[in-house]
């Protein structure tokens, strides 16, 4: 399926330990393109996207995101499906932090929030099943190396005097079952490094 390659490319973009602040970043634009491509495959094969949305919440979210990308100027902000980005870090017991990845969330006005790569993978598999294809694709989301540091470190890019206004950081800790649970450290330090 032609959407798998772009999905994997986005995963590789998001595992780069860099500061991404804008919903208009290259990463978010690629997510919007992928949503559009997934829905376009269904349209080209004359599948009923509305019916698919009634049977799959993930398909409905991807379809809504694809529609928002096409009609961004015509829809009201209160009804628009948008993307938000956050750099995700795992905190350990010593107060050190390890970069997981940059996470893209789909924010839907009524359906809530969902992780883009997970939602897109489910939508791709749902589309394959609608077409009668058995899919063995694992859809593994890449994560950064398990290297802990005393501060939150991100690559700020080549510009020395860049101002970040919408940079979001999300922290996690492992719960007793080994699952990621949101966490807010009391004190933490952000280190933005310039990649010149």
N, C-alpha and C. Protein backbone atom coordinates (compact mmCIF):
# COMPACT_ATOMS: atom_id res chain seq x y z
N UNK A 1 0.86 -1.18 0.00
CA UNK A 1 0.00 0.00 0.00
C UNK A 1 0.90 1.24 0.00
N UNK A 2 0.57 2.20 -0.83
CA UNK A 2 1.45 3.35 -1.04
C UNK A 2 1.53 4.31 0.14
N UNK A 3 0.67 4.17 1.13
CA UNK A 3 0.72 5.05 2.31
C UNK A 3 1.74 4.59 3.35
N UNK A 4 2.20 3.36 3.26
CA UNK A 4 3.12 2.83 4.28
C UNK A 4 4.47 3.53 4.24
N UNK A 5 5.02 3.74 3.04
CA UNK A 5 6.31 4.42 2.92
C UNK A 5 6.29 5.81 3.54
N UNK A 6 5.30 6.66 3.19
CA UNK A 6 5.23 7.99 3.83
C UNK A 6 5.04 7.90 5.35
N UNK A 7 4.28 6.92 5.83
CA UNK A 7 4.08 6.75 7.28
C UNK A 7 5.43 6.49 7.94
N UNK A 8 6.22 5.60 7.36
CA UNK A 8 7.53 5.27 7.93
C UNK A 8 8.48 6.46 7.86
N UNK A 9 8.41 7.25 6.79
CA UNK A 9 9.24 8.45 6.67
C UNK A 9 8.91 9.46 7.76
N UNK A 10 7.64 9.64 8.05
CA UNK A 10 7.24 10.57 9.12
C UNK A 10 7.79 10.08 10.45
N UNK A 11 7.72 8.78 10.70
CA UNK A 11 8.28 8.23 11.94
C UNK A 11 9.76 8.56 12.08
N UNK A 12 10.51 8.47 10.97
CA UNK A 12 11.93 8.80 11.00
C UNK A 12 12.16 10.29 11.21
N UNK A 13 11.30 11.13 10.67
CA UNK A 13 11.41 12.58 10.90
C UNK A 13 11.19 12.90 12.37
N UNK A 14 10.22 12.23 12.99
CA UNK A 14 9.83 12.56 14.36
C UNK A 14 10.78 12.01 15.41
N UNK A 15 11.65 11.09 15.04
CA UNK A 15 12.59 10.54 16.02
C UNK A 15 13.87 11.38 16.07
N UNK A 16 13.97 12.40 15.22
CA UNK A 16 15.10 13.32 15.29
C UNK A 16 14.91 14.24 16.49
N UNK A 17 15.92 14.35 17.31
CA UNK A 17 15.83 15.08 18.58
C UNK A 17 15.96 16.58 18.33
N UNK A 18 14.93 17.16 17.71
CA UNK A 18 14.98 18.58 17.40
C UNK A 18 13.73 19.29 17.90
N UNK A 19 13.88 20.58 18.08
CA UNK A 19 12.77 21.41 18.55
C UNK A 19 11.83 21.69 17.39
N UNK A 20 10.59 21.27 17.54
CA UNK A 20 9.55 21.51 16.54
C UNK A 20 8.42 22.22 17.27
N UNK A 21 8.09 23.41 16.83
CA UNK A 21 7.10 24.17 17.59
C UNK A 21 5.82 24.45 16.86
N UNK A 22 5.85 24.41 15.56
CA UNK A 22 4.73 24.93 14.81
C UNK A 22 3.89 23.84 14.18
N UNK A 23 2.59 24.05 14.15
CA UNK A 23 1.71 23.14 13.44
C UNK A 23 1.93 23.27 11.93
N UNK A 24 2.67 24.27 11.50
CA UNK A 24 3.00 24.43 10.08
C UNK A 24 4.42 23.95 9.79
N UNK A 25 4.97 23.13 10.64
CA UNK A 25 6.31 22.59 10.44
C UNK A 25 6.29 21.59 9.29
N UNK A 26 7.45 21.28 8.72
CA UNK A 26 7.50 20.25 7.67
C UNK A 26 6.91 18.91 8.15
N UNK A 27 7.12 18.60 9.42
CA UNK A 27 6.60 17.33 9.97
C UNK A 27 5.07 17.31 9.96
N UNK A 28 4.45 18.40 10.40
CA UNK A 28 2.98 18.42 10.42
C UNK A 28 2.41 18.47 9.01
N UNK A 29 3.09 19.16 8.10
CA UNK A 29 2.64 19.18 6.70
C UNK A 29 2.69 17.78 6.09
N UNK A 30 3.72 17.00 6.42
CA UNK A 30 3.80 15.62 5.94
C UNK A 30 2.67 14.77 6.52
N UNK A 31 2.32 15.02 7.77
CA UNK A 31 1.19 14.29 8.38
C UNK A 31 -0.11 14.61 7.65
N UNK A 32 -0.33 15.88 7.34
CA UNK A 32 -1.54 16.27 6.59
C UNK A 32 -1.54 15.63 5.20
N UNK A 33 -0.38 15.61 4.55
CA UNK A 33 -0.29 14.98 3.22
C UNK A 33 -0.63 13.50 3.30
N UNK A 34 -0.10 12.82 4.33
CA UNK A 34 -0.36 11.40 4.47
C UNK A 34 -1.86 11.15 4.71
N UNK A 35 -2.48 11.95 5.56
CA UNK A 35 -3.93 11.80 5.79
C UNK A 35 -4.68 11.94 4.47
N UNK A 36 -4.30 12.95 3.69
CA UNK A 36 -4.95 13.14 2.39
C UNK A 36 -4.72 11.96 1.47
N UNK A 37 -3.52 11.40 1.47
CA UNK A 37 -3.20 10.26 0.61
C UNK A 37 -4.00 9.02 1.00
N UNK A 38 -4.14 8.77 2.29
CA UNK A 38 -4.90 7.61 2.76
C UNK A 38 -6.34 7.71 2.26
N UNK A 39 -6.95 8.87 2.43
CA UNK A 39 -8.35 9.06 2.01
C UNK A 39 -8.46 9.03 0.49
N UNK A 40 -7.46 9.57 -0.20
CA UNK A 40 -7.47 9.58 -1.67
C UNK A 40 -7.48 8.16 -2.23
N UNK A 41 -6.74 7.24 -1.61
CA UNK A 41 -6.75 5.84 -2.06
C UNK A 41 -8.16 5.29 -2.00
N UNK A 42 -8.86 5.55 -0.90
CA UNK A 42 -10.25 5.07 -0.78
C UNK A 42 -11.14 5.70 -1.85
N UNK A 43 -10.97 7.00 -2.08
CA UNK A 43 -11.78 7.68 -3.10
C UNK A 43 -11.52 7.11 -4.49
N UNK A 44 -10.24 6.88 -4.82
CA UNK A 44 -9.89 6.36 -6.14
C UNK A 44 -10.49 4.98 -6.38
N UNK A 45 -10.67 4.22 -5.30
CA UNK A 45 -11.22 2.87 -5.43
C UNK A 45 -12.72 2.84 -5.15
N UNK A 46 -13.34 4.03 -5.13
CA UNK A 46 -14.79 4.19 -4.96
C UNK A 46 -15.33 3.59 -3.67
N UNK A 47 -14.53 3.66 -2.61
CA UNK A 47 -15.01 3.23 -1.29
C UNK A 47 -15.79 4.39 -0.66
N UNK A 48 -16.75 4.07 0.17
CA UNK A 48 -17.57 5.08 0.84
C UNK A 48 -16.88 5.53 2.12
N UNK A 49 -16.17 6.67 2.06
CA UNK A 49 -15.39 7.15 3.19
C UNK A 49 -16.27 7.48 4.39
N UNK A 50 -17.46 7.99 4.15
CA UNK A 50 -18.37 8.30 5.29
C UNK A 50 -18.78 7.03 6.02
N UNK A 51 -19.12 5.99 5.26
CA UNK A 51 -19.48 4.72 5.88
C UNK A 51 -18.29 4.15 6.65
N UNK A 52 -17.09 4.27 6.06
CA UNK A 52 -15.90 3.78 6.74
C UNK A 52 -15.68 4.55 8.05
N UNK A 53 -15.97 5.85 8.06
CA UNK A 53 -15.84 6.67 9.26
C UNK A 53 -16.81 6.27 10.34
N UNK A 54 -17.97 5.77 9.96
CA UNK A 54 -18.94 5.31 10.96
C UNK A 54 -18.49 4.00 11.60
N UNK A 55 -17.68 3.23 10.88
CA UNK A 55 -17.23 1.94 11.39
C UNK A 55 -15.84 1.97 12.02
N UNK A 56 -15.12 3.05 11.83
CA UNK A 56 -13.76 3.15 12.39
C UNK A 56 -13.51 4.56 12.87
N UNK A 57 -13.31 4.72 14.18
CA UNK A 57 -13.02 6.04 14.75
C UNK A 57 -11.72 6.60 14.19
N UNK A 58 -10.74 5.72 13.97
CA UNK A 58 -9.46 6.16 13.42
C UNK A 58 -9.63 6.67 11.99
N UNK A 59 -10.43 5.96 11.19
CA UNK A 59 -10.68 6.42 9.82
C UNK A 59 -11.38 7.78 9.85
N UNK A 60 -12.33 7.93 10.75
CA UNK A 60 -13.05 9.21 10.85
C UNK A 60 -12.08 10.35 11.19
N UNK A 61 -11.13 10.12 12.09
CA UNK A 61 -10.15 11.15 12.45
C UNK A 61 -9.23 11.49 11.28
N UNK A 62 -8.73 10.47 10.59
CA UNK A 62 -7.84 10.70 9.45
C UNK A 62 -8.60 11.42 8.34
N UNK A 63 -9.82 11.02 8.11
CA UNK A 63 -10.65 11.66 7.09
C UNK A 63 -10.93 13.12 7.45
N UNK A 64 -11.18 13.38 8.72
CA UNK A 64 -11.42 14.75 9.18
C UNK A 64 -10.17 15.60 9.02
N UNK A 65 -9.01 15.03 9.34
CA UNK A 65 -7.75 15.76 9.17
C UNK A 65 -7.49 16.05 7.70
N UNK A 66 -7.76 15.07 6.83
CA UNK A 66 -7.57 15.28 5.39
C UNK A 66 -8.50 16.39 4.90
N UNK A 67 -9.73 16.40 5.38
CA UNK A 67 -10.69 17.44 4.99
C UNK A 67 -10.28 18.80 5.51
N UNK A 68 -9.73 18.84 6.72
CA UNK A 68 -9.29 20.12 7.29
C UNK A 68 -8.13 20.69 6.51
N UNK A 69 -7.25 19.83 6.02
CA UNK A 69 -6.12 20.29 5.23
C UNK A 69 -6.57 20.91 3.91
N UNK A 70 -7.64 20.36 3.32
CA UNK A 70 -8.15 20.90 2.06
C UNK A 70 -8.92 22.19 2.26
N UNK A 71 -9.71 22.28 3.34
CA UNK A 71 -10.59 23.43 3.51
C UNK A 71 -10.23 24.31 4.68
N UNK A 72 -8.95 24.40 4.99
CA UNK A 72 -8.49 25.14 6.17
C UNK A 72 -9.01 26.57 6.20
N UNK A 73 -9.03 27.26 5.08
CA UNK A 73 -9.44 28.67 5.07
C UNK A 73 -10.95 28.83 5.20
N UNK A 74 -11.69 27.79 4.87
CA UNK A 74 -13.14 27.90 4.85
C UNK A 74 -13.81 27.47 6.15
N UNK A 75 -13.10 26.76 7.00
CA UNK A 75 -13.72 26.25 8.22
C UNK A 75 -13.41 27.15 9.41
N UNK A 76 -14.32 27.15 10.36
CA UNK A 76 -14.09 27.96 11.56
C UNK A 76 -13.09 27.26 12.46
N UNK A 77 -12.35 28.04 13.22
CA UNK A 77 -11.33 27.48 14.11
C UNK A 77 -11.94 26.56 15.15
N UNK A 78 -13.17 26.83 15.57
CA UNK A 78 -13.81 26.01 16.61
C UNK A 78 -14.17 24.62 16.09
N UNK A 79 -14.31 24.45 14.76
CA UNK A 79 -14.71 23.16 14.22
C UNK A 79 -13.57 22.44 13.52
N UNK A 80 -12.41 23.04 13.47
CA UNK A 80 -11.30 22.52 12.68
C UNK A 80 -10.53 21.42 13.41
N UNK A 81 -10.19 20.39 12.66
CA UNK A 81 -9.29 19.36 13.15
C UNK A 81 -7.87 19.87 12.93
N UNK A 82 -7.06 19.87 13.99
CA UNK A 82 -5.72 20.43 13.92
C UNK A 82 -4.69 19.43 14.44
N UNK A 83 -3.43 19.78 14.26
CA UNK A 83 -2.32 18.99 14.76
C UNK A 83 -1.55 19.79 15.80
N UNK A 84 -1.12 19.14 16.85
CA UNK A 84 -0.21 19.75 17.82
C UNK A 84 1.01 18.83 17.94
N UNK A 85 2.15 19.44 18.21
CA UNK A 85 3.40 18.70 18.31
C UNK A 85 4.03 18.91 19.67
N UNK A 86 4.66 17.88 20.20
CA UNK A 86 5.37 18.00 21.47
C UNK A 86 6.59 17.09 21.45
N UNK A 87 7.68 17.57 22.01
CA UNK A 87 8.87 16.74 22.21
C UNK A 87 8.62 15.91 23.47
N UNK A 88 8.71 14.60 23.35
CA UNK A 88 8.39 13.70 24.46
C UNK A 88 9.67 13.15 25.09
N UNK A 89 9.70 13.22 26.42
CA UNK A 89 10.87 12.76 27.19
C UNK A 89 10.43 11.81 28.30
N UNK A 90 11.25 10.81 28.53
CA UNK A 90 11.06 9.88 29.64
C UNK A 90 11.93 10.34 30.80
N UNK A 91 11.35 10.45 31.98
CA UNK A 91 12.10 10.83 33.19
C UNK A 91 12.43 9.58 33.98
N UNK A 92 13.63 9.54 34.55
CA UNK A 92 13.98 8.40 35.40
C UNK A 92 13.95 8.82 36.87
N UNK A 93 14.29 7.92 37.76
CA UNK A 93 14.23 8.18 39.20
C UNK A 93 15.30 9.17 39.67
N UNK A 94 16.33 9.40 38.86
CA UNK A 94 17.41 10.31 39.24
C UNK A 94 17.17 11.74 38.77
N UNK A 95 16.05 11.99 38.11
CA UNK A 95 15.78 13.33 37.58
C UNK A 95 16.45 13.59 36.25
N UNK A 96 16.85 12.53 35.55
CA UNK A 96 17.42 12.67 34.21
C UNK A 96 16.34 12.38 33.17
N UNK A 97 16.64 12.79 31.91
CA UNK A 97 15.63 12.71 30.86
C UNK A 97 16.19 12.07 29.61
N UNK A 98 15.36 11.30 28.95
CA UNK A 98 15.71 10.60 27.72
C UNK A 98 14.68 10.97 26.65
N UNK A 99 15.15 11.42 25.49
CA UNK A 99 14.25 11.77 24.39
C UNK A 99 13.59 10.51 23.84
N UNK A 100 12.27 10.55 23.73
CA UNK A 100 11.52 9.43 23.13
C UNK A 100 11.34 9.71 21.64
N UNK A 101 10.60 10.77 21.33
CA UNK A 101 10.38 11.22 19.95
C UNK A 101 9.56 12.51 20.00
N UNK A 102 9.36 13.10 18.84
CA UNK A 102 8.42 14.20 18.72
C UNK A 102 7.08 13.57 18.38
N UNK A 103 6.09 13.90 19.13
CA UNK A 103 4.77 13.29 18.97
C UNK A 103 3.83 14.29 18.31
N UNK A 104 3.07 13.81 17.33
CA UNK A 104 2.06 14.63 16.66
C UNK A 104 0.69 14.12 17.11
N UNK A 105 -0.11 15.03 17.63
CA UNK A 105 -1.47 14.67 18.08
C UNK A 105 -2.50 15.30 17.16
N UNK A 106 -3.53 14.53 16.87
CA UNK A 106 -4.69 15.04 16.14
C UNK A 106 -5.65 15.57 17.19
N UNK A 107 -6.03 16.84 17.05
CA UNK A 107 -7.01 17.45 17.97
C UNK A 107 -8.30 17.67 17.21
N UNK A 108 -9.34 16.91 17.59
CA UNK A 108 -10.64 17.01 16.93
C UNK A 108 -11.62 17.66 17.90
N UNK A 109 -12.44 18.61 17.43
CA UNK A 109 -13.31 19.35 18.35
C UNK A 109 -14.30 18.49 19.14
N UNK A 110 -14.72 17.34 18.60
CA UNK A 110 -15.66 16.49 19.35
C UNK A 110 -15.09 15.12 19.71
N UNK A 111 -14.20 14.58 18.88
CA UNK A 111 -13.65 13.24 19.14
C UNK A 111 -12.48 13.27 20.11
N UNK A 112 -11.91 14.44 20.38
CA UNK A 112 -10.81 14.54 21.33
C UNK A 112 -9.46 14.47 20.65
N UNK A 113 -8.49 13.91 21.37
CA UNK A 113 -7.10 13.89 20.93
C UNK A 113 -6.63 12.46 20.71
N UNK A 114 -5.85 12.26 19.64
CA UNK A 114 -5.30 10.94 19.34
C UNK A 114 -3.91 11.11 18.75
N UNK A 115 -3.03 10.15 18.98
CA UNK A 115 -1.67 10.18 18.44
C UNK A 115 -1.74 9.90 16.95
N UNK A 116 -1.11 10.77 16.14
CA UNK A 116 -1.24 10.68 14.69
C UNK A 116 -0.73 9.36 14.12
N UNK A 117 0.50 8.96 14.44
CA UNK A 117 1.06 7.76 13.81
C UNK A 117 0.26 6.51 14.15
N UNK A 118 -0.22 6.41 15.38
CA UNK A 118 -1.04 5.27 15.78
C UNK A 118 -2.35 5.28 14.99
N UNK A 119 -3.00 6.44 14.93
CA UNK A 119 -4.28 6.57 14.25
C UNK A 119 -4.13 6.29 12.76
N UNK A 120 -3.09 6.84 12.14
CA UNK A 120 -2.87 6.62 10.71
C UNK A 120 -2.58 5.15 10.41
N UNK A 121 -1.82 4.48 11.28
CA UNK A 121 -1.52 3.06 11.06
C UNK A 121 -2.81 2.23 11.11
N UNK A 122 -3.67 2.53 12.08
CA UNK A 122 -4.94 1.79 12.17
C UNK A 122 -5.80 2.07 10.94
N UNK A 123 -5.82 3.32 10.48
CA UNK A 123 -6.61 3.68 9.29
C UNK A 123 -6.07 2.97 8.04
N UNK A 124 -4.74 2.88 7.91
CA UNK A 124 -4.15 2.17 6.77
C UNK A 124 -4.53 0.70 6.80
N UNK A 125 -4.45 0.08 7.97
CA UNK A 125 -4.83 -1.34 8.09
C UNK A 125 -6.31 -1.54 7.83
N UNK A 126 -7.14 -0.59 8.29
CA UNK A 126 -8.58 -0.67 8.04
C UNK A 126 -8.86 -0.57 6.54
N UNK A 127 -8.17 0.34 5.85
CA UNK A 127 -8.33 0.48 4.41
C UNK A 127 -7.93 -0.81 3.71
N UNK A 128 -6.82 -1.40 4.11
CA UNK A 128 -6.38 -2.67 3.51
C UNK A 128 -7.43 -3.75 3.70
N UNK A 129 -8.02 -3.81 4.90
CA UNK A 129 -9.05 -4.83 5.14
C UNK A 129 -10.30 -4.57 4.30
N UNK A 130 -10.63 -3.29 4.08
CA UNK A 130 -11.78 -2.96 3.23
C UNK A 130 -11.53 -3.40 1.79
N UNK A 131 -10.26 -3.41 1.39
CA UNK A 131 -9.89 -3.84 0.05
C UNK A 131 -9.66 -5.35 -0.04
N UNK A 132 -9.81 -6.03 1.10
CA UNK A 132 -9.63 -7.48 1.13
C UNK A 132 -8.20 -7.94 1.17
N UNK A 133 -7.29 -7.05 1.60
CA UNK A 133 -5.88 -7.40 1.67
C UNK A 133 -5.51 -7.77 3.11
N UNK A 134 -4.83 -8.89 3.27
CA UNK A 134 -4.27 -9.24 4.58
C UNK A 134 -2.97 -8.47 4.73
N UNK A 135 -2.79 -7.80 5.87
CA UNK A 135 -1.62 -6.97 6.05
C UNK A 135 -0.81 -7.44 7.25
N UNK A 136 0.47 -7.69 7.02
CA UNK A 136 1.39 -8.14 8.06
C UNK A 136 2.24 -7.00 8.61
N UNK A 137 1.97 -5.78 8.22
CA UNK A 137 2.77 -4.62 8.58
C UNK A 137 2.74 -4.37 10.08
N UNK A 138 3.92 -4.24 10.72
CA UNK A 138 4.01 -4.07 12.16
C UNK A 138 3.73 -2.64 12.61
N UNK A 139 4.00 -1.65 11.77
CA UNK A 139 3.77 -0.23 12.09
C UNK A 139 4.42 0.17 13.41
N UNK A 140 5.72 -0.06 13.52
CA UNK A 140 6.45 0.27 14.74
C UNK A 140 6.89 1.73 14.71
N UNK A 141 6.56 2.46 15.76
CA UNK A 141 6.92 3.88 15.86
C UNK A 141 8.34 3.96 16.42
N UNK A 142 9.27 4.59 15.68
CA UNK A 142 10.65 4.66 16.17
C UNK A 142 10.78 5.56 17.40
N UNK A 143 11.71 5.20 18.25
CA UNK A 143 12.02 6.00 19.44
C UNK A 143 13.52 6.26 19.47
N UNK A 144 13.91 7.31 20.18
CA UNK A 144 15.31 7.68 20.30
C UNK A 144 16.09 6.69 21.15
N UNK A 145 17.42 6.82 21.14
CA UNK A 145 18.25 5.91 21.95
C UNK A 145 18.02 6.15 23.44
N UNK A 146 18.12 5.11 24.25
CA UNK A 146 17.85 5.23 25.69
C UNK A 146 18.99 5.89 26.45
N UNK A 147 19.30 7.14 26.11
CA UNK A 147 20.39 7.88 26.74
C UNK A 147 19.80 8.96 27.63
N UNK A 148 20.03 8.86 28.94
CA UNK A 148 19.49 9.83 29.88
C UNK A 148 20.51 10.94 30.14
N UNK A 149 20.01 12.17 30.24
CA UNK A 149 20.85 13.34 30.52
C UNK A 149 20.17 14.18 31.59
N UNK A 150 20.94 15.00 32.31
CA UNK A 150 20.34 15.80 33.39
C UNK A 150 19.44 16.94 32.92
N UNK A 151 19.47 17.26 31.62
CA UNK A 151 18.59 18.31 31.11
C UNK A 151 17.87 17.80 29.87
N UNK A 152 16.83 18.52 29.49
CA UNK A 152 16.07 18.23 28.29
C UNK A 152 16.83 18.89 27.13
N UNK A 153 17.34 18.08 26.23
CA UNK A 153 18.19 18.59 25.15
C UNK A 153 17.47 18.45 23.81
N UNK A 154 17.42 19.57 23.06
CA UNK A 154 16.84 19.56 21.72
C UNK A 154 17.72 20.36 20.77
N UNK A 155 17.76 19.95 19.53
CA UNK A 155 18.47 20.68 18.49
C UNK A 155 17.59 21.83 18.04
N UNK A 156 18.09 23.05 18.14
CA UNK A 156 17.32 24.24 17.78
C UNK A 156 17.48 24.62 16.32
N UNK A 157 18.29 23.90 15.58
CA UNK A 157 18.50 24.23 14.18
C UNK A 157 19.68 25.17 14.00
N UNK A 158 19.92 25.59 12.77
CA UNK A 158 21.12 26.38 12.48
C UNK A 158 21.02 27.87 12.85
N UNK A 159 19.82 28.37 13.11
CA UNK A 159 19.68 29.80 13.41
C UNK A 159 20.09 30.08 14.85
N UNK A 160 21.05 30.99 15.05
CA UNK A 160 21.57 31.28 16.39
C UNK A 160 20.59 32.05 17.26
N UNK A 161 19.77 32.91 16.69
CA UNK A 161 18.89 33.77 17.48
C UNK A 161 17.42 33.48 17.22
N UNK A 162 17.08 32.24 17.10
CA UNK A 162 15.70 31.84 16.86
C UNK A 162 14.89 31.97 18.14
N UNK A 163 13.67 32.48 18.02
CA UNK A 163 12.77 32.61 19.17
C UNK A 163 11.71 31.52 19.07
N UNK A 164 11.59 30.73 20.12
CA UNK A 164 10.56 29.68 20.16
C UNK A 164 9.37 30.19 20.97
N UNK A 165 8.19 30.16 20.37
CA UNK A 165 7.00 30.64 21.07
C UNK A 165 6.02 29.52 21.41
N UNK A 166 6.00 28.46 20.61
CA UNK A 166 5.02 27.40 20.83
C UNK A 166 5.62 26.04 21.06
N UNK A 167 6.85 26.00 21.55
CA UNK A 167 7.53 24.73 21.79
C UNK A 167 6.87 24.01 22.97
N UNK A 168 6.44 22.78 22.74
CA UNK A 168 5.80 22.00 23.80
C UNK A 168 6.67 20.80 24.17
N UNK A 169 6.78 20.56 25.47
CA UNK A 169 7.53 19.42 26.00
C UNK A 169 6.55 18.57 26.81
N UNK A 170 6.54 17.27 26.57
CA UNK A 170 5.69 16.34 27.31
C UNK A 170 6.58 15.34 28.03
N UNK A 171 6.34 15.16 29.33
CA UNK A 171 7.15 14.23 30.12
C UNK A 171 6.35 12.99 30.46
N UNK A 172 7.07 11.88 30.54
CA UNK A 172 6.47 10.59 30.91
C UNK A 172 7.38 9.91 31.94
N UNK A 173 6.78 9.03 32.71
CA UNK A 173 7.50 8.11 33.59
C UNK A 173 6.91 6.72 33.36
N UNK A 174 7.68 5.71 33.65
CA UNK A 174 7.14 4.35 33.55
C UNK A 174 6.31 4.04 34.78
N UNK A 175 5.09 3.54 34.56
CA UNK A 175 4.26 3.15 35.69
C UNK A 175 4.68 1.76 36.17
N UNK A 176 4.08 1.22 37.25
CA UNK A 176 4.50 -0.09 37.76
C UNK A 176 4.39 -1.23 36.75
N UNK A 177 3.60 -1.03 35.68
CA UNK A 177 3.42 -2.07 34.66
C UNK A 177 4.35 -1.87 33.45
N UNK A 178 5.23 -0.85 33.54
CA UNK A 178 6.15 -0.59 32.44
C UNK A 178 5.56 0.23 31.31
N UNK A 179 4.39 0.82 31.54
CA UNK A 179 3.72 1.64 30.53
C UNK A 179 4.04 3.11 30.78
N UNK A 180 4.02 3.91 29.72
CA UNK A 180 4.27 5.35 29.86
C UNK A 180 3.06 6.03 30.49
N UNK A 181 3.34 6.83 31.50
CA UNK A 181 2.30 7.62 32.16
C UNK A 181 2.77 9.08 32.18
N UNK A 182 1.85 10.01 31.90
CA UNK A 182 2.24 11.41 31.89
C UNK A 182 2.76 11.81 33.27
N UNK A 183 3.67 12.75 33.25
CA UNK A 183 4.39 13.13 34.47
C UNK A 183 4.80 14.58 34.34
N UNK A 184 4.77 15.31 35.44
CA UNK A 184 5.24 16.70 35.42
C UNK A 184 6.33 16.86 36.48
N UNK A 185 7.59 16.97 36.04
CA UNK A 185 8.67 17.15 37.02
C UNK A 185 8.57 18.52 37.68
N UNK A 186 9.06 18.61 38.92
CA UNK A 186 9.04 19.89 39.64
C UNK A 186 9.97 20.89 38.98
N UNK A 187 11.19 20.47 38.74
CA UNK A 187 12.19 21.34 38.13
C UNK A 187 12.83 20.60 36.96
N UNK A 188 13.04 21.31 35.88
CA UNK A 188 13.75 20.74 34.76
C UNK A 188 14.37 21.87 33.94
N UNK A 189 15.42 21.54 33.23
CA UNK A 189 16.17 22.52 32.46
C UNK A 189 16.15 22.13 30.99
N UNK A 190 15.83 23.14 30.15
CA UNK A 190 15.82 22.94 28.70
C UNK A 190 17.13 23.46 28.11
N UNK A 191 17.78 22.61 27.30
CA UNK A 191 19.02 23.00 26.65
C UNK A 191 18.80 22.92 25.13
N UNK A 192 18.76 24.08 24.47
CA UNK A 192 18.62 24.13 23.02
C UNK A 192 19.99 24.28 22.40
N UNK A 193 20.38 23.31 21.59
CA UNK A 193 21.70 23.34 20.95
C UNK A 193 21.55 23.74 19.50
N UNK A 194 22.43 24.56 19.04
CA UNK A 194 22.43 25.01 17.66
C UNK A 194 23.22 24.04 16.80
N UNK A 195 22.62 23.56 15.72
CA UNK A 195 23.31 22.63 14.80
C UNK A 195 23.87 23.42 13.62
N UNK A 196 25.02 23.98 13.83
CA UNK A 196 25.64 24.82 12.79
C UNK A 196 26.49 23.97 11.88
